[in-house]
Amino acid sequence: DRVHPSFTEMSRDSDDDLFKLLTVEVNGSMADFIQA
């Protein structure tokens, strides 16, 4: 019925050049998703 994003994001640590994998469901508005 719906698919959701599983996405990469760079570490916020300035000494770390690695990324992490995040999965967040999209069920509401853009603002809802950004907050989640």
Full PDB file with SEQRES, HELIX, SHEET, SSBOND, CRYST1, ORIGX, SCALE, CONECT and MASTER records, all heavy atoms in Angstrom:
SEQRES   1 A   36  ASP ARG VAL HIS PRO SER PHE THR GLU MET SER ARG ASP          
SEQRES   2 A   36  SER ASP ASP ASP LEU PHE LYS LEU LEU THR VAL GLU VAL          
SEQRES   3 A   36  ASN GLY SER MET ALA ASP PHE ILE GLN ALA                      
HELIX    1 AA1 MET A   30  GLN A   35  1                                   6    
SHEET    1 AA1 2 SER A   6  MET A  10  0                                        
SHEET    2 AA1 2 PHE A  19  THR A  23 -1                                        
CRYST1    1.000    1.000    1.000  90.00  90.00  90.00 P 1           1          
ORIGX1      1.000000  0.000000  0.000000        0.00000                         
ORIGX2      0.000000  1.000000  0.000000        0.00000                         
ORIGX3      0.000000  0.000000  1.000000        0.00000                         
SCALE1      1.000000  0.000000  0.000000        0.00000                         
SCALE2      0.000000  1.000000  0.000000        0.00000                         
SCALE3      0.000000  0.000000  1.000000        0.00000                         
ATOM      1  N   ASP A   1       0.834  -1.200   0.000  1.00  0.00           N  
ATOM      2  CA  ASP A   1       0.000   0.000   0.000  1.00  0.00           C  
ATOM      3  C   ASP A   1       0.869   1.251   0.000  1.00  0.00           C  
ATOM      4  O   ASP A   1       0.553   2.238  -0.657  1.00  0.00           O  
ATOM      5  CB  ASP A   1      -0.920   0.021   1.224  1.00  0.00           C  
ATOM      6  CG  ASP A   1      -1.977  -1.067   1.177  1.00  0.00           C  
ATOM      7  OD1 ASP A   1      -2.372  -1.458   0.065  1.00  0.00           O  
ATOM      8  OD2 ASP A   1      -2.395  -1.529   2.255  1.00  0.00           O  
ATOM      9  N   ARG A   2       1.976   1.189   0.763  1.00  0.00           N  
ATOM     10  CA  ARG A   2       2.898   2.311   0.845  1.00  0.00           C  
ATOM     11  C   ARG A   2       4.323   1.781   0.999  1.00  0.00           C  
ATOM     12  O   ARG A   2       4.521   0.672   1.512  1.00  0.00           O  
ATOM     13  CB  ARG A   2       2.591   3.214   2.052  1.00  0.00           C  
ATOM     14  CG  ARG A   2       1.254   3.910   2.003  1.00  0.00           C  
ATOM     15  CD  ARG A   2       1.123   4.922   3.119  1.00  0.00           C  
ATOM     16  NE  ARG A   2       2.108   5.992   3.020  1.00  0.00           N  
ATOM     17  CZ  ARG A   2       2.029   7.009   2.165  1.00  0.00           C  
ATOM     18  NH1 ARG A   2       1.016   7.089   1.334  1.00  0.00           N  
ATOM     19  NH2 ARG A   2       2.958   7.948   2.141  1.00  0.00           N  
ATOM     20  N   VAL A   3       5.282   2.567   0.542  1.00  0.00           N  
ATOM     21  CA  VAL A   3       6.687   2.255   0.791  1.00  0.00           C  
ATOM     22  C   VAL A   3       7.292   3.434   1.556  1.00  0.00           C  
ATOM     23  O   VAL A   3       6.754   4.549   1.552  1.00  0.00           O  
ATOM     24  CB  VAL A   3       7.462   1.990  -0.513  1.00  0.00           C  
ATOM     25  CG1 VAL A   3       6.957   0.721  -1.175  1.00  0.00           C  
ATOM     26  CG2 VAL A   3       7.368   3.172  -1.478  1.00  0.00           C  
ATOM     27  N   HIS A   4       8.431   3.177   2.204  1.00  0.00           N  
ATOM     28  CA  HIS A   4       9.035   4.156   3.098  1.00  0.00           C  
ATOM     29  C   HIS A   4      10.536   4.248   2.810  1.00  0.00           C  
ATOM     30  O   HIS A   4      11.145   3.275   2.340  1.00  0.00           O  
ATOM     31  CB  HIS A   4       8.791   3.764   4.548  1.00  0.00           C  
ATOM     32  CG  HIS A   4       7.339   3.559   4.874  1.00  0.00           C  
ATOM     33  ND1 HIS A   4       6.496   4.599   5.164  1.00  0.00           N  
ATOM     34  CD2 HIS A   4       6.585   2.417   4.919  1.00  0.00           C  
ATOM     35  CE1 HIS A   4       5.278   4.122   5.386  1.00  0.00           C  
ATOM     36  NE2 HIS A   4       5.303   2.808   5.252  1.00  0.00           N  
ATOM     37  N   PRO A   5      11.162   5.374   3.119  1.00  0.00           N  
ATOM     38  CA  PRO A   5      12.580   5.543   2.790  1.00  0.00           C  
ATOM     39  C   PRO A   5      13.525   4.954   3.835  1.00  0.00           C  
ATOM     40  O   PRO A   5      13.351   5.151   5.039  1.00  0.00           O  
ATOM     41  CB  PRO A   5      12.733   7.069   2.730  1.00  0.00           C  
ATOM     42  CG  PRO A   5      11.710   7.577   3.709  1.00  0.00           C  
ATOM     43  CD  PRO A   5      10.545   6.614   3.617  1.00  0.00           C  
ATOM     44  N   SER A   6      14.519   4.240   3.352  1.00  0.00           N  
ATOM     45  CA  SER A   6      15.652   3.806   4.159  1.00  0.00           C  
ATOM     46  C   SER A   6      16.858   4.499   3.534  1.00  0.00           C  
ATOM     47  O   SER A   6      17.210   4.215   2.378  1.00  0.00           O  
ATOM     48  CB  SER A   6      15.796   2.286   4.129  1.00  0.00           C  
ATOM     49  OG  SER A   6      16.810   1.854   4.997  1.00  0.00           O  
ATOM     50  N   PHE A   7      17.487   5.416   4.257  1.00  0.00           N  
ATOM     51  CA  PHE A   7      18.424   6.330   3.611  1.00  0.00           C  
ATOM     52  C   PHE A   7      19.706   6.522   4.421  1.00  0.00           C  
ATOM     53  O   PHE A   7      19.735   6.301   5.635  1.00  0.00           O  
ATOM     54  CB  PHE A   7      17.763   7.691   3.373  1.00  0.00           C  
ATOM     55  CG  PHE A   7      17.179   8.343   4.610  1.00  0.00           C  
ATOM     56  CD1 PHE A   7      17.896   9.266   5.332  1.00  0.00           C  
ATOM     57  CD2 PHE A   7      15.893   8.029   5.026  1.00  0.00           C  
ATOM     58  CE1 PHE A   7      17.369   9.873   6.460  1.00  0.00           C  
ATOM     59  CE2 PHE A   7      15.334   8.630   6.153  1.00  0.00           C  
ATOM     60  CZ  PHE A   7      16.071   9.553   6.877  1.00  0.00           C  
ATOM     61  N   THR A   8      20.742   6.929   3.722  1.00  0.00           N  
ATOM     62  CA  THR A   8      22.027   7.188   4.354  1.00  0.00           C  
ATOM     63  C   THR A   8      22.071   8.627   4.857  1.00  0.00           C  
ATOM     64  O   THR A   8      21.414   9.524   4.309  1.00  0.00           O  
ATOM     65  CB  THR A   8      23.189   6.968   3.370  1.00  0.00           C  
ATOM     66  OG1 THR A   8      23.044   7.869   2.259  1.00  0.00           O  
ATOM     67  CG2 THR A   8      23.215   5.547   2.869  1.00  0.00           C  
ATOM     68  N   GLU A   9      22.881   8.837   5.908  1.00  0.00           N  
ATOM     69  CA  GLU A   9      23.105  10.186   6.414  1.00  0.00           C  
ATOM     70  C   GLU A   9      24.503  10.249   7.005  1.00  0.00           C  
ATOM     71  O   GLU A   9      24.898   9.374   7.774  1.00  0.00           O  
ATOM     72  CB  GLU A   9      22.062  10.551   7.469  1.00  0.00           C  
ATOM     73  CG  GLU A   9      22.246  11.956   8.031  1.00  0.00           C  
ATOM     74  CD  GLU A   9      21.164  12.333   9.023  1.00  0.00           C  
ATOM     75  OE1 GLU A   9      20.104  12.800   8.589  1.00  0.00           O  
ATOM     76  OE2 GLU A   9      21.380  12.137  10.238  1.00  0.00           O  
ATOM     77  N   MET A  10      25.239  11.270   6.640  1.00  0.00           N  
ATOM     78  CA  MET A  10      26.602  11.425   7.149  1.00  0.00           C  
ATOM     79  C   MET A  10      26.574  11.722   8.641  1.00  0.00           C  
ATOM     80  O   MET A  10      25.662  12.380   9.160  1.00  0.00           O  
ATOM     81  CB  MET A  10      27.326  12.548   6.419  1.00  0.00           C  
ATOM     82  CG  MET A  10      27.637  12.241   4.964  1.00  0.00           C  
ATOM     83  SD  MET A  10      28.704  10.780   4.745  1.00  0.00           S  
ATOM     84  CE  MET A  10      30.223  11.342   5.531  1.00  0.00           C  
ATOM     85  N   SER A  11      27.599  11.249   9.322  1.00  0.00           N  
ATOM     86  CA  SER A  11      27.739  11.515  10.749  1.00  0.00           C  
ATOM     87  C   SER A  11      27.885  13.013  10.992  1.00  0.00           C  
ATOM     88  O   SER A  11      28.484  13.740  10.193  1.00  0.00           O  
ATOM     89  CB  SER A  11      28.981  10.796  11.299  1.00  0.00           C  
ATOM     90  OG  SER A  11      29.241  11.192  12.622  1.00  0.00           O  
ATOM     91  N   ARG A  12      27.302  13.487  12.081  1.00  0.00           N  
ATOM     92  CA  ARG A  12      27.410  14.908  12.440  1.00  0.00           C  
ATOM     93  C   ARG A  12      28.710  15.203  13.192  1.00  0.00           C  
ATOM     94  O   ARG A  12      28.997  16.349  13.511  1.00  0.00           O  
ATOM     95  CB  ARG A  12      26.197  15.321  13.272  1.00  0.00           C  
ATOM     96  CG  ARG A  12      24.880  15.130  12.512  1.00  0.00           C  
ATOM     97  CD  ARG A  12      23.688  15.600  13.315  1.00  0.00           C  
ATOM     98  NE  ARG A  12      22.435  15.245  12.676  1.00  0.00           N  
ATOM     99  CZ  ARG A  12      21.869  15.929  11.695  1.00  0.00           C  
ATOM    100  NH1 ARG A  12      22.456  17.014  11.245  1.00  0.00           N  
ATOM    101  NH2 ARG A  12      20.723  15.537  11.171  1.00  0.00           N  
ATOM    102  N   ASP A  13      29.478  14.155  13.482  1.00  0.00           N  
ATOM    103  CA  ASP A  13      30.772  14.307  14.150  1.00  0.00           C  
ATOM    104  C   ASP A  13      31.807  14.731  13.111  1.00  0.00           C  
ATOM    105  O   ASP A  13      32.030  14.035  12.119  1.00  0.00           O  
ATOM    106  CB  ASP A  13      31.174  12.973  14.801  1.00  0.00           C  
ATOM    107  CG  ASP A  13      32.452  13.088  15.623  1.00  0.00           C  
ATOM    108  OD1 ASP A  13      33.199  14.063  15.434  1.00  0.00           O  
ATOM    109  OD2 ASP A  13      32.704  12.177  16.427  1.00  0.00           O  
ATOM    110  N   SER A  14      32.438  15.866  13.330  1.00  0.00           N  
ATOM    111  CA  SER A  14      33.385  16.402  12.345  1.00  0.00           C  
ATOM    112  C   SER A  14      34.592  15.495  12.150  1.00  0.00           C  
ATOM    113  O   SER A  14      35.295  15.604  11.143  1.00  0.00           O  
ATOM    114  CB  SER A  14      33.844  17.798  12.771  1.00  0.00           C  
ATOM    115  OG  SER A  14      34.483  17.753  14.044  1.00  0.00           O  
ATOM    116  N   ASP A  15      34.858  14.606  13.108  1.00  0.00           N  
ATOM    117  CA  ASP A  15      36.005  13.703  12.993  1.00  0.00           C  
ATOM    118  C   ASP A  15      35.622  12.363  12.356  1.00  0.00           C  
ATOM    119  O   ASP A  15      36.462  11.469  12.251  1.00  0.00           O  
ATOM    120  CB  ASP A  15      36.606  13.444  14.381  1.00  0.00           C  
ATOM    121  CG  ASP A  15      37.192  14.710  14.997  1.00  0.00           C  
ATOM    122  OD1 ASP A  15      37.708  15.541  14.225  1.00  0.00           O  
ATOM    123  OD2 ASP A  15      37.111  14.862  16.229  1.00  0.00           O  
ATOM    124  N   ASP A  16      34.382  12.216  11.954  1.00  0.00           N  
ATOM    125  CA  ASP A  16      33.884  10.937  11.448  1.00  0.00           C  
ATOM    126  C   ASP A  16      33.409  11.121  10.011  1.00  0.00           C  
ATOM    127  O   ASP A  16      32.524  11.928   9.735  1.00  0.00           O  
ATOM    128  CB  ASP A  16      32.718  10.466  12.337  1.00  0.00           C  
ATOM    129  CG  ASP A  16      32.281   9.039  12.027  1.00  0.00           C  
ATOM    130  OD1 ASP A  16      32.746   8.484  11.010  1.00  0.00           O  
ATOM    131  OD2 ASP A  16      31.470   8.495  12.794  1.00  0.00           O  
ATOM    132  N   ASP A  17      34.030  10.378   9.077  1.00  0.00           N  
ATOM    133  CA  ASP A  17      33.612  10.485   7.681  1.00  0.00           C  
ATOM    134  C   ASP A  17      32.733   9.315   7.262  1.00  0.00           C  
ATOM    135  O   ASP A  17      32.605   9.017   6.073  1.00  0.00           O  
ATOM    136  CB  ASP A  17      34.831  10.588   6.759  1.00  0.00           C  
ATOM    137  CG  ASP A  17      35.740   9.359   6.850  1.00  0.00           C  
ATOM    138  OD1 ASP A  17      35.446   8.441   7.648  1.00  0.00           O  
ATOM    139  OD2 ASP A  17      36.741   9.313   6.105  1.00  0.00           O  
ATOM    140  N   LEU A  18      32.091   8.651   8.223  1.00  0.00           N  
ATOM    141  CA  LEU A  18      31.229   7.517   7.943  1.00  0.00           C  
ATOM    142  C   LEU A  18      29.757   7.943   7.968  1.00  0.00           C  
ATOM    143  O   LEU A  18      29.404   8.981   8.508  1.00  0.00           O  
ATOM    144  CB  LEU A  18      31.465   6.402   8.972  1.00  0.00           C  
ATOM    145  CG  LEU A  18      32.885   5.834   9.004  1.00  0.00           C  
ATOM    146  CD1 LEU A  18      33.026   4.841  10.153  1.00  0.00           C  
ATOM    147  CD2 LEU A  18      33.241   5.179   7.672  1.00  0.00           C  
ATOM    148  N   PHE A  19      28.914   7.117   7.363  1.00  0.00           N  
ATOM    149  CA  PHE A  19      27.489   7.406   7.346  1.00  0.00           C  
ATOM    150  C   PHE A  19      26.745   6.368   8.179  1.00  0.00           C  
ATOM    151  O   PHE A  19      27.265   5.291   8.485  1.00  0.00           O  
ATOM    152  CB  PHE A  19      26.943   7.400   5.909  1.00  0.00           C  
ATOM    153  CG  PHE A  19      26.946   6.038   5.252  1.00  0.00           C  
ATOM    154  CD1 PHE A  19      25.872   5.164   5.409  1.00  0.00           C  
ATOM    155  CD2 PHE A  19      28.014   5.635   4.467  1.00  0.00           C  
ATOM    156  CE1 PHE A  19      25.875   3.916   4.803  1.00  0.00           C  
ATOM    157  CE2 PHE A  19      28.031   4.381   3.864  1.00  0.00           C  
ATOM    158  CZ  PHE A  19      26.959   3.525   4.031  1.00  0.00           C  
ATOM    159  N   LYS A  20      25.514   6.700   8.528  1.00  0.00           N  
ATOM    160  CA  LYS A  20      24.631   5.725   9.157  1.00  0.00           C  
ATOM    161  C   LYS A  20      23.386   5.561   8.293  1.00  0.00           C  
ATOM    162  O   LYS A  20      23.083   6.411   7.435  1.00  0.00           O  
ATOM    163  CB  LYS A  20      24.260   6.143  10.582  1.00  0.00           C  
ATOM    164  CG  LYS A  20      23.596   7.485  10.735  1.00  0.00           C  
ATOM    165  CD  LYS A  20      23.390   7.803  12.227  1.00  0.00           C  
ATOM    166  CE  LYS A  20      22.843   9.198  12.447  1.00  0.00           C  
ATOM    167  NZ  LYS A  20      22.685   9.501  13.895  1.00  0.00           N  
ATOM    168  N   LEU A  21      22.698   4.467   8.510  1.00  0.00           N  
ATOM    169  CA  LEU A  21      21.506   4.133   7.740  1.00  0.00           C  
ATOM    170  C   LEU A  21      20.284   4.366   8.619  1.00  0.00           C  
ATOM    171  O   LEU A  21      20.161   3.795   9.701  1.00  0.00           O  
ATOM    172  CB  LEU A  21      21.560   2.675   7.290  1.00  0.00           C  
ATOM    173  CG  LEU A  21      20.442   2.191   6.368  1.00  0.00           C  
ATOM    174  CD1 LEU A  21      20.544   2.887   5.021  1.00  0.00           C  
ATOM    175  CD2 LEU A  21      20.523   0.679   6.189  1.00  0.00           C  
ATOM    176  N   LEU A  22      19.391   5.229   8.151  1.00  0.00           N  
ATOM    177  CA  LEU A  22      18.181   5.568   8.888  1.00  0.00           C  
ATOM    178  C   LEU A  22      16.955   5.092   8.129  1.00  0.00           C  
ATOM    179  O   LEU A  22      16.940   5.091   6.894  1.00  0.00           O  
ATOM    180  CB  LEU A  22      18.068   7.082   9.086  1.00  0.00           C  
ATOM    181  CG  LEU A  22      19.236   7.801   9.757  1.00  0.00           C  
ATOM    182  CD1 LEU A  22      18.964   9.300   9.801  1.00  0.00           C  
ATOM    183  CD2 LEU A  22      19.459   7.271  11.165  1.00  0.00           C  
ATOM    184  N   THR A  23      15.940   4.692   8.849  1.00  0.00           N  
ATOM    185  CA  THR A  23      14.663   4.321   8.252  1.00  0.00           C  
ATOM    186  C   THR A  23      13.562   5.080   8.969  1.00  0.00           C  
ATOM    187  O   THR A  23      13.438   4.990  10.193  1.00  0.00           O  
ATOM    188  CB  THR A  23      14.418   2.804   8.362  1.00  0.00           C  
ATOM    189  OG1 THR A  23      15.481   2.109   7.689  1.00  0.00           O  
ATOM    190  CG2 THR A  23      13.096   2.428   7.717  1.00  0.00           C  
ATOM    191  N   VAL A  24      12.800   5.848   8.206  1.00  0.00           N  
ATOM    192  CA  VAL A  24      11.736   6.680   8.766  1.00  0.00           C  
ATOM    193  C   VAL A  24      10.493   6.499   7.906  1.00  0.00           C  
ATOM    194  O   VAL A  24      10.565   6.612   6.677  1.00  0.00           O  
ATOM    195  CB  VAL A  24      12.141   8.168   8.798  1.00  0.00           C  
ATOM    196  CG1 VAL A  24      11.022   9.015   9.411  1.00  0.00           C  
ATOM    197  CG2 VAL A  24      13.444   8.360   9.564  1.00  0.00           C  
ATOM    198  N   GLU A  25       9.368   6.238   8.520  1.00  0.00           N  
ATOM    199  CA  GLU A  25       8.139   6.026   7.757  1.00  0.00           C  
ATOM    200  C   GLU A  25       7.544   7.361   7.311  1.00  0.00           C  
ATOM    201  O   GLU A  25       7.657   8.371   7.990  1.00  0.00           O  
ATOM    202  CB  GLU A  25       7.132   5.222   8.574  1.00  0.00           C  
ATOM    203  CG  GLU A  25       7.648   3.833   8.930  1.00  0.00           C  
ATOM    204  CD  GLU A  25       6.527   2.843   9.196  1.00  0.00           C  
ATOM    205  OE1 GLU A  25       5.353   3.257   9.233  1.00  0.00           O  
ATOM    206  OE2 GLU A  25       6.850   1.648   9.361  1.00  0.00           O  
ATOM    207  N   VAL A  26       6.924   7.332   6.137  1.00  0.00           N  
ATOM    208  CA  VAL A  26       6.240   8.496   5.585  1.00  0.00           C  
ATOM    209  C   VAL A  26       4.743   8.225   5.644  1.00  0.00           C  
ATOM    210  O   VAL A  26       4.217   7.457   4.847  1.00  0.00           O  
ATOM    211  CB  VAL A  26       6.681   8.770   4.130  1.00  0.00           C  
ATOM    212  CG1 VAL A  26       5.815   9.857   3.502  1.00  0.00           C  
ATOM    213  CG2 VAL A  26       8.141   9.172   4.086  1.00  0.00           C  
ATOM    214  N   ASN A  27       4.077   8.833   6.596  1.00  0.00           N  
ATOM    215  CA  ASN A  27       2.637   8.624   6.755  1.00  0.00           C  
ATOM    216  C   ASN A  27       1.860   9.929   6.855  1.00  0.00           C  
ATOM    217  O   ASN A  27       0.634   9.914   6.837  1.00  0.00           O  
ATOM    218  CB  ASN A  27       2.359   7.789   8.016  1.00  0.00           C  
ATOM    219  CG  ASN A  27       2.861   6.356   7.883  1.00  0.00           C  
ATOM    220  OD1 ASN A  27       2.599   5.701   6.876  1.00  0.00           O  
ATOM    221  ND2 ASN A  27       3.582   5.877   8.884  1.00  0.00           N  
ATOM    222  N   GLY A  28       2.546  11.053   6.970  1.00  0.00           N  
ATOM    223  CA  GLY A  28       1.870  12.330   7.127  1.00  0.00           C  
ATOM    224  C   GLY A  28       2.416  13.373   6.184  1.00  0.00           C  
ATOM    225  O   GLY A  28       2.787  13.084   5.045  1.00  0.00           O  
ATOM    226  N   SER A  29       2.499  14.594   6.666  1.00  0.00           N  
ATOM    227  CA  SER A  29       2.961  15.716   5.861  1.00  0.00           C  
ATOM    228  C   SER A  29       4.484  15.752   5.787  1.00  0.00           C  
ATOM    229  O   SER A  29       5.181  15.010   6.491  1.00  0.00           O  
ATOM    230  CB  SER A  29       2.458  17.027   6.465  1.00  0.00           C  
ATOM    231  OG  SER A  29       3.080  17.253   7.725  1.00  0.00           O  
ATOM    232  N   MET A  30       5.005  16.653   4.961  1.00  0.00           N  
ATOM    233  CA  MET A  30       6.448  16.839   4.891  1.00  0.00           C  
ATOM    234  C   MET A  30       6.999  17.281   6.234  1.00  0.00           C  
ATOM    235  O   MET A  30       8.053  16.807   6.677  1.00  0.00           O  
ATOM    236  CB  MET A  30       6.805  17.859   3.807  1.00  0.00           C  
ATOM    237  CG  MET A  30       8.294  18.113   3.668  1.00  0.00           C  
ATOM    238  SD  MET A  30       8.721  19.359   2.427  1.00  0.00           S  
ATOM    239  CE  MET A  30       8.299  18.493   0.910  1.00  0.00           C  
ATOM    240  N   ALA A  31       6.289  18.182   6.907  1.00  0.00           N  
ATOM    241  CA  ALA A  31       6.734  18.648   8.220  1.00  0.00           C  
ATOM    242  C   ALA A  31       6.790  17.498   9.220  1.00  0.00           C  
ATOM    243  O   ALA A  31       7.723  17.412  10.028  1.00  0.00           O  
ATOM    244  CB  ALA A  31       5.797  19.744   8.724  1.00  0.00           C  
ATOM    245  N   ASP A  32       5.803  16.612   9.165  1.00  0.00           N  
ATOM    246  CA  ASP A  32       5.789  15.439  10.047  1.00  0.00           C  
ATOM    247  C   ASP A  32       7.008  14.568   9.794  1.00  0.00           C  
ATOM    248  O   ASP A  32       7.657  14.084  10.729  1.00  0.00           O  
ATOM    249  CB  ASP A  32       4.517  14.611   9.836  1.00  0.00           C  
ATOM    250  CG  ASP A  32       3.255  15.335  10.279  1.00  0.00           C  
ATOM    251  OD1 ASP A  32       3.352  16.218  11.154  1.00  0.00           O  
ATOM    252  OD2 ASP A  32       2.181  15.021   9.728  1.00  0.00           O  
ATOM    253  N   PHE A  33       7.309  14.349   8.502  1.00  0.00           N  
ATOM    254  CA  PHE A  33       8.447  13.499   8.157  1.00  0.00           C  
ATOM    255  C   PHE A  33       9.762  14.128   8.605  1.00  0.00           C  
ATOM    256  O   PHE A  33      10.632  13.447   9.161  1.00  0.00           O  
ATOM    257  CB  PHE A  33       8.496  13.227   6.655  1.00  0.00           C  
ATOM    258  CG  PHE A  33       9.743  12.492   6.239  1.00  0.00           C  
ATOM    259  CD1 PHE A  33       9.872  11.138   6.475  1.00  0.00           C  
ATOM    260  CD2 PHE A  33      10.797  13.174   5.650  1.00  0.00           C  
ATOM    261  CE1 PHE A  33      11.039  10.460   6.130  1.00  0.00           C  
ATOM    262  CE2 PHE A  33      11.960  12.515   5.304  1.00  0.00           C  
ATOM    263  CZ  PHE A  33      12.074  11.155   5.545  1.00  0.00           C  
ATOM    264  N   ILE A  34       9.930  15.413   8.367  1.00  0.00           N  
ATOM    265  CA  ILE A  34      11.172  16.082   8.746  1.00  0.00           C  
ATOM    266  C   ILE A  34      11.387  15.994  10.246  1.00  0.00           C  
ATOM    267  O   ILE A  34      12.500  15.713  10.717  1.00  0.00           O  
ATOM    268  CB  ILE A  34      11.156  17.546   8.260  1.00  0.00           C  
ATOM    269  CG1 ILE A  34      11.286  17.589   6.732  1.00  0.00           C  
ATOM    270  CG2 ILE A  34      12.278  18.344   8.909  1.00  0.00           C  
ATOM    271  CD1 ILE A  34      11.119  18.971   6.136  1.00  0.00           C  
ATOM    272  N   GLN A  35      10.341  16.197  11.013  1.00  0.00           N  
ATOM    273  CA  GLN A  35      10.465  16.078  12.470  1.00  0.00           C  
ATOM    274  C   GLN A  35      10.848  14.663  12.874  1.00  0.00           C  
ATOM    275  O   GLN A  35      11.738  14.458  13.711  1.00  0.00           O  
ATOM    276  CB  GLN A  35       9.152  16.478  13.150  1.00  0.00           C  
ATOM    277  CG  GLN A  35       9.210  16.376  14.675  1.00  0.00           C  
ATOM    278  CD  GLN A  35       7.906  16.786  15.336  1.00  0.00           C  
ATOM    279  OE1 GLN A  35       7.018  17.346  14.699  1.00  0.00           O  
ATOM    280  NE2 GLN A  35       7.782  16.494  16.624  1.00  0.00           N  
ATOM    281  N   ALA A  36      10.195  13.659  12.260  1.00  0.00           N  
ATOM    282  CA  ALA A  36      10.499  12.265  12.583  1.00  0.00           C  
ATOM    283  C   ALA A  36      11.923  11.906  12.176  1.00  0.00           C  
ATOM    284  O   ALA A  36      12.622  11.174  12.888  1.00  0.00           O  
ATOM    285  CB  ALA A  36       9.500  11.340  11.892  1.00  0.00           C  
TER     286      ALA A  36                                                      
MASTER        0    0    0    1    2    0    0    6  285    1    0    3          
END                                                                             
